[in-house]
Amino acid sequence: MIKTEKINQNIDWVQVTDCLPVEKKTLKKDYQLTNEMLYYALDRHERPRLEYYEEEQLLLIIFDVAEPTRFSGDISSEPIGIILRDTTLFTFTADKTNFVNPLIRSLIDKLPDVQRDNLKPLDVVLKTLYQLAIQFFDYINHINSIRTSIQRGLHGRTNKKAINQLLNLQTDLVYFLTSLSANNDMLMMFKRKLGKTLSDDDNAALDDVIVEIQQGLSMAQMANQAAQQVANAYSNLLDSNINNTMKFLTVFSIALTVPNIVFGFYGENVELPFMHNQIAWQITLLISLILVIIVLLIMHFSDFFNK
């Protein structure tokens, strides 16, 4: 879908959502966008990048955003495409990232009339990137909250649900770390390549975005380390539970072996003490019980149960 909107005399906003092949032809014909530009802007797997086409005086930005997957409740990151050329601002989003356009609209609407009338496309882009950068904070804090809840459960019994939650958290953090790192690299390239051509206000706004992205990257790294520590603690706890189970089974199997030995002897066709006694069955049980107690005492005094 292609939607056009005039923000002010300086900005013509073209919103492209879930672009269809016929709409690509429109973008190439009416806006002179090349196949290469559209490929980068529409690729769902494109890494954050910055491309400046000097001949066309066109700036292409790919930026990863955090988005909550509406079906499973998981959190992941997806790229959006932004193209700046003269007074035209293009935004390329998919179904999962179409929240970006309402975000831009709300940022513009909140501005006083004087500021709104003087907005330039780059102003809108930098304000949008700033808001998208700080959105990572909410998701990372949410991950930390879930991790803290799981960590408290370490004092109780481990369960499959907690392990699956930890796995999902670590997966989300891997996506975030990768996206934030790539976003930071892209913004630093923006600063190196075009910083000298920007105004002081634009440079300050770009620096603010870089600071927030780097802060988000630091938060994600700390959250990832904490999640890994909890996962390692869960792993150690599971190993300890397995060891205790194996130890119990070992003791149980040894204890059951002793009566088999006693009953085996009395099952042979040889003369044994008490075999003709009226309470021979009870005597064999008593002998077995005594031997089992002796075995358990040996294990106890050898500190087997505490190893």
C-alpha atoms as a PDB file:
ATOM      1  CA  MET A   1       0.000   0.000   0.000  1.00  0.00           C
ATOM      2  CA  ILE A   2       1.258   3.482  -0.887  1.00  0.00           C
ATOM      3  CA  LYS A   3      -0.091   6.466   0.994  1.00  0.00           C
ATOM      4  CA  THR A   4       1.037  10.050   0.388  1.00  0.00           C
ATOM      5  CA  GLU A   5       0.685  12.935   2.812  1.00  0.00           C
ATOM      6  CA  LYS A   6       1.928  16.510   2.775  1.00  0.00           C
ATOM      7  CA  ILE A   7       3.286  17.448   6.200  1.00  0.00           C
ATOM      8  CA  ASN A   8       4.270  21.011   5.302  1.00  0.00           C
ATOM      9  CA  GLN A   9       5.884  22.928   2.468  1.00  0.00           C
ATOM     10  CA  ASN A  10       9.171  21.105   3.144  1.00  0.00           C
ATOM     11  CA  ILE A  11       7.967  17.503   3.452  1.00  0.00           C
ATOM     12  CA  ASP A  12       5.997  15.183   1.195  1.00  0.00           C
ATOM     13  CA  TRP A  13       5.625  11.926   3.080  1.00  0.00           C
ATOM     14  CA  VAL A  14       5.243   8.689   1.094  1.00  0.00           C
ATOM     15  CA  GLN A  15       4.268   5.712   3.268  1.00  0.00           C
ATOM     16  CA  VAL A  16       4.913   2.300   1.714  1.00  0.00           C
ATOM     17  CA  THR A  17       3.527  -0.682   3.641  1.00  0.00           C
ATOM     18  CA  ASP A  18       3.768  -4.303   2.467  1.00  0.00           C
ATOM     19  CA  CYS A  19       4.748  -3.192  -1.008  1.00  0.00           C
ATOM     20  CA  LEU A  20       3.267  -5.205  -3.880  1.00  0.00           C
ATOM     21  CA  PRO A  21       4.995  -5.754  -7.261  1.00  0.00           C
ATOM     22  CA  VAL A  22       2.630  -3.332  -9.011  1.00  0.00           C
ATOM     23  CA  GLU A  23       3.443  -0.718  -6.369  1.00  0.00           C
ATOM     24  CA  LYS A  24       7.163  -1.162  -6.997  1.00  0.00           C
ATOM     25  CA  LYS A  25       6.539  -0.191 -10.594  1.00  0.00           C
ATOM     26  CA  THR A  26       4.727   2.920  -9.391  1.00  0.00           C
ATOM     27  CA  LEU A  27       7.626   3.870  -7.132  1.00  0.00           C
ATOM     28  CA  LYS A  28      10.092   3.447  -9.976  1.00  0.00           C
ATOM     29  CA  LYS A  29       7.969   5.333 -12.478  1.00  0.00           C
ATOM     30  CA  ASP A  30       6.585   8.179 -10.375  1.00  0.00           C
ATOM     31  CA  TYR A  31       9.481   8.665  -7.929  1.00  0.00           C
ATOM     32  CA  GLN A  32      12.453   7.427  -9.985  1.00  0.00           C
ATOM     33  CA  LEU A  33      13.584   4.944  -7.341  1.00  0.00           C
ATOM     34  CA  THR A  34      15.940   2.281  -8.692  1.00  0.00           C
ATOM     35  CA  ASN A  35      15.726  -1.479  -8.258  1.00  0.00           C
ATOM     36  CA  GLU A  36      18.740  -1.391  -5.937  1.00  0.00           C
ATOM     37  CA  MET A  37      17.156   1.209  -3.643  1.00  0.00           C
ATOM     38  CA  LEU A  38      13.894  -0.706  -3.477  1.00  0.00           C
ATOM     39  CA  TYR A  39      15.685  -3.986  -2.881  1.00  0.00           C
ATOM     40  CA  TYR A  40      17.457  -2.585   0.181  1.00  0.00           C
ATOM     41  CA  ALA A  41      14.393  -0.740   1.473  1.00  0.00           C
ATOM     42  CA  LEU A  42      12.019  -3.698   1.130  1.00  0.00           C
ATOM     43  CA  ASP A  43      14.279  -6.603   2.085  1.00  0.00           C
ATOM     44  CA  ARG A  44      12.919  -8.127   5.307  1.00  0.00           C
ATOM     45  CA  HIS A  45      16.357  -9.538   6.135  1.00  0.00           C
ATOM     46  CA  GLU A  46      18.475  -6.489   5.331  1.00  0.00           C
ATOM     47  CA  ARG A  47      20.999  -5.442   7.949  1.00  0.00           C
ATOM     48  CA  PRO A  48      21.061  -1.810   9.182  1.00  0.00           C
ATOM     49  CA  ARG A  49      22.997   0.226   6.672  1.00  0.00           C
ATOM     50  CA  LEU A  50      23.488   3.686   5.224  1.00  0.00           C
ATOM     51  CA  GLU A  51      23.732   4.408   1.494  1.00  0.00           C
ATOM     52  CA  TYR A  52      24.188   7.844  -0.030  1.00  0.00           C
ATOM     53  CA  TYR A  53      23.568   8.136  -3.754  1.00  0.00           C
ATOM     54  CA  GLU A  54      25.406  11.315  -4.668  1.00  0.00           C
ATOM     55  CA  GLU A  55      24.149  11.510  -8.234  1.00  0.00           C
ATOM     56  CA  GLU A  56      20.505  11.286  -7.163  1.00  0.00           C
ATOM     57  CA  GLN A  57      21.138  13.261  -3.929  1.00  0.00           C
ATOM     58  CA  LEU A  58      19.349  10.472  -2.103  1.00  0.00           C
ATOM     59  CA  LEU A  59      19.963   9.033   1.367  1.00  0.00           C
ATOM     60  CA  LEU A  60      18.890   5.465   2.218  1.00  0.00           C
ATOM     61  CA  ILE A  61      18.709   4.313   5.842  1.00  0.00           C
ATOM     62  CA  ILE A  62      17.922   0.794   7.063  1.00  0.00           C
ATOM     63  CA  PHE A  63      17.210   0.689  10.800  1.00  0.00           C
ATOM     64  CA  ASP A  64      16.268  -2.258  13.025  1.00  0.00           C
ATOM     65  CA  VAL A  65      13.298  -1.706  15.336  1.00  0.00           C
ATOM     66  CA  ALA A  66      12.003  -3.771  18.246  1.00  0.00           C
ATOM     67  CA  GLU A  67       8.533  -5.170  17.661  1.00  0.00           C
ATOM     68  CA  PRO A  68       6.264  -7.445  19.721  1.00  0.00           C
ATOM     69  CA  THR A  69       5.123 -10.391  17.625  1.00  0.00           C
ATOM     70  CA  ARG A  70       1.369 -10.242  17.843  1.00  0.00           C
ATOM     71  CA  PHE A  71       0.765 -14.009  17.596  1.00  0.00           C
ATOM     72  CA  SER A  72       3.198 -15.589  20.062  1.00  0.00           C
ATOM     73  CA  GLY A  73       3.951 -12.685  22.382  1.00  0.00           C
ATOM     74  CA  ASP A  74       7.663 -13.005  21.698  1.00  0.00           C
ATOM     75  CA  ILE A  75       9.836 -10.010  20.976  1.00  0.00           C
ATOM     76  CA  SER A  76      12.068  -9.682  17.951  1.00  0.00           C
ATOM     77  CA  SER A  77      13.561  -7.020  15.706  1.00  0.00           C
ATOM     78  CA  GLU A  78      12.725  -6.132  12.119  1.00  0.00           C
ATOM     79  CA  PRO A  79      14.218  -3.608   9.678  1.00  0.00           C
ATOM     80  CA  ILE A  80      12.465  -0.553   8.312  1.00  0.00           C
ATOM     81  CA  GLY A  81      13.584   1.450   5.300  1.00  0.00           C
ATOM     82  CA  ILE A  82      13.817   5.244   5.088  1.00  0.00           C
ATOM     83  CA  ILE A  83      14.693   7.241   1.978  1.00  0.00           C
ATOM     84  CA  LEU A  84      15.320  10.987   1.895  1.00  0.00           C
ATOM     85  CA  ARG A  85      15.417  12.951  -1.322  1.00  0.00           C
ATOM     86  CA  ASP A  86      14.937  16.718  -1.411  1.00  0.00           C
ATOM     87  CA  THR A  87      11.553  17.315   0.201  1.00  0.00           C
ATOM     88  CA  THR A  88      10.300  13.741  -0.114  1.00  0.00           C
ATOM     89  CA  LEU A  89      10.395  11.341   2.815  1.00  0.00           C
ATOM     90  CA  PHE A  90       9.789   7.647   2.068  1.00  0.00           C
ATOM     91  CA  THR A  91       9.104   5.117   4.828  1.00  0.00           C
ATOM     92  CA  PHE A  92       9.054   1.399   4.025  1.00  0.00           C
ATOM     93  CA  THR A  93       7.408  -0.848   6.605  1.00  0.00           C
ATOM     94  CA  ALA A  94       5.904  -4.324   6.788  1.00  0.00           C
ATOM     95  CA  ASP A  95       2.885  -5.616   8.672  1.00  0.00           C
ATOM     96  CA  LYS A  96       4.953  -6.197  11.816  1.00  0.00           C
ATOM     97  CA  THR A  97       6.544  -2.752  11.700  1.00  0.00           C
ATOM     98  CA  ASN A  98       3.591  -0.656  10.573  1.00  0.00           C
ATOM     99  CA  PHE A  99       3.486   0.914  14.062  1.00  0.00           C
ATOM    100  CA  VAL A 100       6.287   3.201  12.861  1.00  0.00           C
ATOM    101  CA  ASN A 101       3.997   5.339  10.695  1.00  0.00           C
ATOM    102  CA  PRO A 102       1.552   6.165  13.537  1.00  0.00           C
ATOM    103  CA  LEU A 103       4.610   6.905  15.686  1.00  0.00           C
ATOM    104  CA  ILE A 104       5.860   9.434  13.140  1.00  0.00           C
ATOM    105  CA  ARG A 105       2.401  10.936  12.873  1.00  0.00           C
ATOM    106  CA  SER A 106       2.171  11.357  16.655  1.00  0.00           C
ATOM    107  CA  LEU A 107       5.633  12.961  16.833  1.00  0.00           C
ATOM    108  CA  ILE A 108       4.609  15.513  14.221  1.00  0.00           C
ATOM    109  CA  ASP A 109       1.225  16.225  15.825  1.00  0.00           C
ATOM    110  CA  LYS A 110       2.805  16.911  19.221  1.00  0.00           C
ATOM    111  CA  LEU A 111       4.942  19.722  17.838  1.00  0.00           C
ATOM    112  CA  PRO A 112       3.814  23.346  18.066  1.00  0.00           C
ATOM    113  CA  ASP A 113       2.545  24.799  14.810  1.00  0.00           C
ATOM    114  CA  VAL A 114       5.662  26.899  14.285  1.00  0.00           C
ATOM    115  CA  GLN A 115       8.004  23.907  14.609  1.00  0.00           C
ATOM    116  CA  ARG A 116       5.741  21.738  12.476  1.00  0.00           C
ATOM    117  CA  ASP A 117       5.756  24.278   9.671  1.00  0.00           C
ATOM    118  CA  ASN A 118       9.563  24.461   9.700  1.00  0.00           C
ATOM    119  CA  LEU A 119      10.212  20.718   9.848  1.00  0.00           C
ATOM    120  CA  LYS A 120      12.567  19.167   7.323  1.00  0.00           C
ATOM    121  CA  PRO A 121      12.631  15.465   6.323  1.00  0.00           C
ATOM    122  CA  LEU A 122      15.861  14.868   8.262  1.00  0.00           C
ATOM    123  CA  ASP A 123      14.299  16.372  11.399  1.00  0.00           C
ATOM    124  CA  VAL A 124      11.470  13.856  11.219  1.00  0.00           C
ATOM    125  CA  VAL A 125      13.902  10.982  10.634  1.00  0.00           C
ATOM    126  CA  LEU A 126      16.140  11.876  13.590  1.00  0.00           C
ATOM    127  CA  LYS A 127      13.171  12.328  15.942  1.00  0.00           C
ATOM    128  CA  THR A 128      11.768   8.979  14.796  1.00  0.00           C
ATOM    129  CA  LEU A 129      15.068   7.143  15.211  1.00  0.00           C
ATOM    130  CA  TYR A 130      15.375   8.575  18.721  1.00  0.00           C
ATOM    131  CA  GLN A 131      11.959   7.225  19.719  1.00  0.00           C
ATOM    132  CA  LEU A 132      12.639   3.850  18.110  1.00  0.00           C
ATOM    133  CA  ALA A 133      15.951   3.675  19.981  1.00  0.00           C
ATOM    134  CA  ILE A 134      14.422   4.246  23.412  1.00  0.00           C
ATOM    135  CA  GLN A 135      11.681   1.682  22.716  1.00  0.00           C
ATOM    136  CA  PHE A 136      14.377  -0.971  23.137  1.00  0.00           C
ATOM    137  CA  PHE A 137      14.642   0.075  26.810  1.00  0.00           C
ATOM    138  CA  ASP A 138      11.067  -0.995  27.599  1.00  0.00           C
ATOM    139  CA  TYR A 139      11.558  -4.429  26.066  1.00  0.00           C
ATOM    140  CA  ILE A 140      14.912  -4.974  27.769  1.00  0.00           C
ATOM    141  CA  ASN A 141      13.430  -3.937  31.137  1.00  0.00           C
ATOM    142  CA  HIS A 142      10.547  -6.339  30.501  1.00  0.00           C
ATOM    143  CA  ILE A 143      13.051  -9.128  29.835  1.00  0.00           C
ATOM    144  CA  ASN A 144      14.886  -8.277  33.062  1.00  0.00           C
ATOM    145  CA  SER A 145      11.604  -8.413  34.973  1.00  0.00           C
ATOM    146  CA  ILE A 146      10.821 -11.905  33.646  1.00  0.00           C
ATOM    147  CA  ARG A 147      14.384 -13.045  34.338  1.00  0.00           C
ATOM    148  CA  THR A 148      14.149 -11.769  37.933  1.00  0.00           C
ATOM    149  CA  SER A 149      10.920 -13.710  38.432  1.00  0.00           C
ATOM    150  CA  ILE A 150      12.552 -16.882  37.104  1.00  0.00           C
ATOM    151  CA  GLN A 151      15.597 -16.277  39.294  1.00  0.00           C
ATOM    152  CA  ARG A 152      13.432 -16.170  42.421  1.00  0.00           C
ATOM    153  CA  GLY A 153      12.080 -19.589  41.428  1.00  0.00           C
ATOM    154  CA  LEU A 154      15.559 -21.068  41.667  1.00  0.00           C
ATOM    155  CA  HIS A 155      14.907 -21.617  45.372  1.00  0.00           C
ATOM    156  CA  GLY A 156      12.046 -23.943  44.458  1.00  0.00           C
ATOM    157  CA  ARG A 157      11.698 -26.763  41.992  1.00  0.00           C
ATOM    158  CA  THR A 158      12.859 -26.394  38.417  1.00  0.00           C
ATOM    159  CA  ASN A 159      10.227 -26.720  35.728  1.00  0.00           C
ATOM    160  CA  LYS A 160      10.100 -26.938  31.976  1.00  0.00           C
ATOM    161  CA  LYS A 161       8.179 -23.669  31.628  1.00  0.00           C
ATOM    162  CA  ALA A 162      10.937 -21.671  33.339  1.00  0.00           C
ATOM    163  CA  ILE A 163      13.594 -23.277  31.154  1.00  0.00           C
ATOM    164  CA  ASN A 164      11.627 -22.440  27.993  1.00  0.00           C
ATOM    165  CA  GLN A 165      11.186 -18.857  29.208  1.00  0.00           C
ATOM    166  CA  LEU A 166      14.924 -18.520  29.761  1.00  0.00           C
ATOM    167  CA  LEU A 167      15.577 -19.860  26.287  1.00  0.00           C
ATOM    168  CA  ASN A 168      13.154 -17.329  24.772  1.00  0.00           C
ATOM    169  CA  LEU A 169      14.716 -14.479  26.751  1.00  0.00           C
ATOM    170  CA  GLN A 170      18.208 -15.371  25.583  1.00  0.00           C
ATOM    171  CA  THR A 171      16.980 -15.610  21.977  1.00  0.00           C
ATOM    172  CA  ASP A 172      15.345 -12.167  22.215  1.00  0.00           C
ATOM    173  CA  LEU A 173      18.513 -10.688  23.690  1.00  0.00           C
ATOM    174  CA  VAL A 174      20.624 -12.138  20.886  1.00  0.00           C
ATOM    175  CA  TYR A 175      18.348 -10.390  18.366  1.00  0.00           C
ATOM    176  CA  PHE A 176      18.525  -7.158  20.347  1.00  0.00           C
ATOM    177  CA  LEU A 177      22.300  -7.255  20.712  1.00  0.00           C
ATOM    178  CA  THR A 178      22.735  -7.875  17.007  1.00  0.00           C
ATOM    179  CA  SER A 179      20.257  -5.159  16.010  1.00  0.00           C
ATOM    180  CA  LEU A 180      21.544  -2.547  18.447  1.00  0.00           C
ATOM    181  CA  SER A 181      25.146  -3.186  17.460  1.00  0.00           C
ATOM    182  CA  ALA A 182      24.295  -2.908  13.767  1.00  0.00           C
ATOM    183  CA  ASN A 183      22.215   0.239  14.370  1.00  0.00           C
ATOM    184  CA  ASN A 184      25.123   1.781  16.257  1.00  0.00           C
ATOM    185  CA  ASP A 185      27.534   0.994  13.415  1.00  0.00           C
ATOM    186  CA  MET A 186      25.132   2.516  10.895  1.00  0.00           C
ATOM    187  CA  LEU A 187      24.721   5.719  12.937  1.00  0.00           C
ATOM    188  CA  MET A 188      28.459   6.067  13.443  1.00  0.00           C
ATOM    189  CA  MET A 189      28.876   5.768   9.664  1.00  0.00           C
ATOM    190  CA  PHE A 190      26.170   8.432   9.273  1.00  0.00           C
ATOM    191  CA  LYS A 191      28.174  10.681  11.587  1.00  0.00           C
ATOM    192  CA  ARG A 192      31.463  10.087   9.752  1.00  0.00           C
ATOM    193  CA  LYS A 193      30.142  10.440   6.223  1.00  0.00           C
ATOM    194  CA  LEU A 194      27.579  13.223   6.548  1.00  0.00           C
ATOM    195  CA  GLY A 195      28.274  14.879   9.899  1.00  0.00           C
ATOM    196  CA  LYS A 196      30.168  17.784   8.331  1.00  0.00           C
ATOM    197  CA  THR A 197      27.257  18.577   6.029  1.00  0.00           C
ATOM    198  CA  LEU A 198      24.672  18.697   8.837  1.00  0.00           C
ATOM    199  CA  SER A 199      23.670  21.694  10.899  1.00  0.00           C
ATOM    200  CA  ASP A 200      24.613  21.957  14.562  1.00  0.00           C
ATOM    201  CA  ASP A 201      21.059  21.053  15.595  1.00  0.00           C
ATOM    202  CA  ASP A 202      21.005  18.005  13.320  1.00  0.00           C
ATOM    203  CA  ASN A 203      24.396  16.864  14.616  1.00  0.00           C
ATOM    204  CA  ALA A 204      23.158  17.238  18.188  1.00  0.00           C
ATOM    205  CA  ALA A 205      20.022  15.229  17.378  1.00  0.00           C
ATOM    206  CA  LEU A 206      22.112  12.533  15.706  1.00  0.00           C
ATOM    207  CA  ASP A 207      24.401  12.384  18.743  1.00  0.00           C
ATOM    208  CA  ASP A 208      21.343  11.921  20.976  1.00  0.00           C
ATOM    209  CA  VAL A 209      20.236   8.932  18.902  1.00  0.00           C
ATOM    210  CA  ILE A 210      23.736   7.418  19.069  1.00  0.00           C
ATOM    211  CA  VAL A 211      23.836   7.851  22.854  1.00  0.00           C
ATOM    212  CA  GLU A 212      20.470   6.114  23.289  1.00  0.00           C
ATOM    213  CA  ILE A 213      21.443   3.252  20.992  1.00  0.00           C
ATOM    214  CA  GLN A 214      24.712   2.744  22.873  1.00  0.00           C
ATOM    215  CA  GLN A 215      22.867   2.834  26.184  1.00  0.00           C
ATOM    216  CA  GLY A 216      20.422   0.237  24.886  1.00  0.00           C
ATOM    217  CA  LEU A 217      23.351  -1.887  23.715  1.00  0.00           C
ATOM    218  CA  SER A 218      24.920  -1.695  27.175  1.00  0.00           C
ATOM    219  CA  MET A 219      21.591  -2.629  28.808  1.00  0.00           C
ATOM    220  CA  ALA A 220      21.150  -5.580  26.450  1.00  0.00           C
ATOM    221  CA  GLN A 221      24.679  -6.827  27.178  1.00  0.00           C
ATOM    222  CA  MET A 222      24.086  -6.673  30.934  1.00  0.00           C
ATOM    223  CA  ALA A 223      20.700  -8.374  30.577  1.00  0.00           C
ATOM    224  CA  ASN A 224      22.252 -11.083  28.415  1.00  0.00           C
ATOM    225  CA  GLN A 225      24.996 -11.749  30.976  1.00  0.00           C
ATOM    226  CA  ALA A 226      22.428 -11.932  33.790  1.00  0.00           C
ATOM    227  CA  ALA A 227      20.231 -14.305  31.775  1.00  0.00           C
ATOM    228  CA  GLN A 228      23.241 -16.519  31.048  1.00  0.00           C
ATOM    229  CA  GLN A 229      24.106 -16.647  34.758  1.00  0.00           C
ATOM    230  CA  VAL A 230      20.555 -17.679  35.634  1.00  0.00           C
ATOM    231  CA  ALA A 231      20.622 -20.282  32.863  1.00  0.00           C
ATOM    232  CA  ASN A 232      23.926 -21.644  34.206  1.00  0.00           C
ATOM    233  CA  ALA A 233      22.467 -21.746  37.715  1.00  0.00           C
ATOM    234  CA  TYR A 234      19.457 -23.677  36.408  1.00  0.00           C
ATOM    235  CA  SER A 235      21.806 -26.047  34.593  1.00  0.00           C
ATOM    236  CA  ASN A 236      23.780 -26.654  37.786  1.00  0.00           C
ATOM    237  CA  LEU A 237      20.567 -27.197  39.712  1.00  0.00           C
ATOM    238  CA  LEU A 238      19.344 -29.714  37.155  1.00  0.00           C
ATOM    239  CA  ASP A 239      22.690 -31.513  37.282  1.00  0.00           C
ATOM    240  CA  SER A 240      22.444 -31.629  41.060  1.00  0.00           C
ATOM    241  CA  ASN A 241      18.914 -33.072  40.859  1.00  0.00           C
ATOM    242  CA  ILE A 242      20.089 -35.718  38.408  1.00  0.00           C
ATOM    243  CA  ASN A 243      23.001 -36.618  40.688  1.00  0.00           C
ATOM    244  CA  ASN A 244      20.646 -36.956  43.657  1.00  0.00           C
ATOM    245  CA  THR A 245      18.320 -39.142  41.607  1.00  0.00           C
ATOM    246  CA  MET A 246      21.172 -41.386  40.468  1.00  0.00           C
ATOM    247  CA  LYS A 247      22.462 -41.598  44.029  1.00  0.00           C
ATOM    248  CA  PHE A 248      19.011 -42.646  45.272  1.00  0.00           C
ATOM    249  CA  LEU A 249      18.711 -45.278  42.560  1.00  0.00           C
ATOM    250  CA  THR A 250      22.196 -46.580  43.387  1.00  0.00           C
ATOM    251  CA  VAL A 251      21.375 -46.950  47.088  1.00  0.00           C
ATOM    252  CA  PHE A 252      18.001 -48.492  46.274  1.00  0.00           C
ATOM    253  CA  SER A 253      19.524 -51.024  43.871  1.00  0.00           C
ATOM    254  CA  ILE A 254      22.214 -51.996  46.390  1.00  0.00           C
ATOM    255  CA  ALA A 255      19.624 -52.386  49.150  1.00  0.00           C
ATOM    256  CA  LEU A 256      17.521 -54.653  46.918  1.00  0.00           C
ATOM    257  CA  THR A 257      20.538 -56.743  45.953  1.00  0.00           C
ATOM    258  CA  VAL A 258      21.197 -57.911  49.526  1.00  0.00           C
ATOM    259  CA  PRO A 259      17.857 -59.815  49.996  1.00  0.00           C
ATOM    260  CA  ASN A 260      18.362 -61.482  46.597  1.00  0.00           C
ATOM    261  CA  ILE A 261      21.708 -62.833  47.769  1.00  0.00           C
ATOM    262  CA  VAL A 262      20.191 -64.196  51.013  1.00  0.00           C
ATOM    263  CA  PHE A 263      17.187 -65.713  49.261  1.00  0.00           C
ATOM    264  CA  GLY A 264      19.500 -67.131  46.580  1.00  0.00           C
ATOM    265  CA  PHE A 265      21.537 -69.001  49.151  1.00  0.00           C
ATOM    266  CA  TYR A 266      18.429 -70.472  50.749  1.00  0.00           C
ATOM    267  CA  GLY A 267      17.135 -71.468  47.356  1.00  0.00           C
ATOM    268  CA  GLU A 268      20.121 -73.777  46.751  1.00  0.00           C
ATOM    269  CA  ASN A 269      19.897 -77.513  47.469  1.00  0.00           C
ATOM    270  CA  VAL A 270      22.449 -77.363  50.266  1.00  0.00           C
ATOM    271  CA  GLU A 271      22.110 -77.548  54.015  1.00  0.00           C
ATOM    272  CA  LEU A 272      22.014 -74.066  55.594  1.00  0.00           C
ATOM    273  CA  PRO A 273      21.333 -72.958  59.173  1.00  0.00           C
ATOM    274  CA  PHE A 274      17.694 -72.385  60.127  1.00  0.00           C
ATOM    275  CA  MET A 275      16.372 -73.818  56.830  1.00  0.00           C
ATOM    276  CA  HIS A 276      14.262 -76.461  58.616  1.00  0.00           C
ATOM    277  CA  ASN A 277      13.074 -74.093  61.293  1.00  0.00           C
ATOM    278  CA  GLN A 278       9.352 -73.307  61.455  1.00  0.00           C
ATOM    279  CA  ILE A 279      10.078 -69.586  61.151  1.00  0.00           C
ATOM    280  CA  ALA A 280      12.778 -69.952  58.488  1.00  0.00           C
ATOM    281  CA  TRP A 281      11.013 -67.407  56.225  1.00  0.00           C
ATOM    282  CA  GLN A 282      10.970 -64.792  58.970  1.00  0.00           C
ATOM    283  CA  ILE A 283      14.604 -65.547  59.798  1.00  0.00           C
ATOM    284  CA  THR A 284      15.682 -64.942  56.169  1.00  0.00           C
ATOM    285  CA  LEU A 285      13.819 -61.637  56.204  1.00  0.00           C
ATOM    286  CA  LEU A 286      15.538 -60.655  59.442  1.00  0.00           C
ATOM    287  CA  ILE A 287      18.972 -61.590  58.058  1.00  0.00           C
ATOM    288  CA  SER A 288      18.271 -59.576  54.926  1.00  0.00           C
ATOM    289  CA  LEU A 289      17.132 -56.578  56.971  1.00  0.00           C
ATOM    290  CA  ILE A 290      20.227 -56.700  59.168  1.00  0.00           C
ATOM    291  CA  LEU A 291      22.526 -56.902  56.157  1.00  0.00           C
ATOM    292  CA  VAL A 292      20.708 -53.987  54.457  1.00  0.00           C
ATOM    293  CA  ILE A 293      21.099 -51.890  57.615  1.00  0.00           C
ATOM    294  CA  ILE A 294      24.791 -52.758  57.723  1.00  0.00           C
ATOM    295  CA  VAL A 295      25.225 -51.701  54.071  1.00  0.00           C
ATOM    296  CA  LEU A 296      23.411 -48.406  54.706  1.00  0.00           C
ATOM    297  CA  LEU A 297      25.530 -47.732  57.795  1.00  0.00           C
ATOM    298  CA  ILE A 298      28.704 -48.353  55.810  1.00  0.00           C
ATOM    299  CA  MET A 299      27.525 -45.848  53.185  1.00  0.00           C
ATOM    300  CA  HIS A 300      26.613 -43.354  55.872  1.00  0.00           C
ATOM    301  CA  PHE A 301      29.933 -43.519  57.696  1.00  0.00           C
ATOM    302  CA  SER A 302      31.829 -43.382  54.402  1.00  0.00           C
ATOM    303  CA  ASP A 303      30.023 -40.049  53.721  1.00  0.00           C
ATOM    304  CA  PHE A 304      28.462 -41.434  50.528  1.00  0.00           C
ATOM    305  CA  PHE A 305      25.233 -39.429  50.929  1.00  0.00           C
ATOM    306  CA  ASN A 306      27.071 -36.088  51.176  1.00  0.00           C
ATOM    307  CA  LYS A 307      29.329 -36.526  48.160  1.00  0.00           C
END
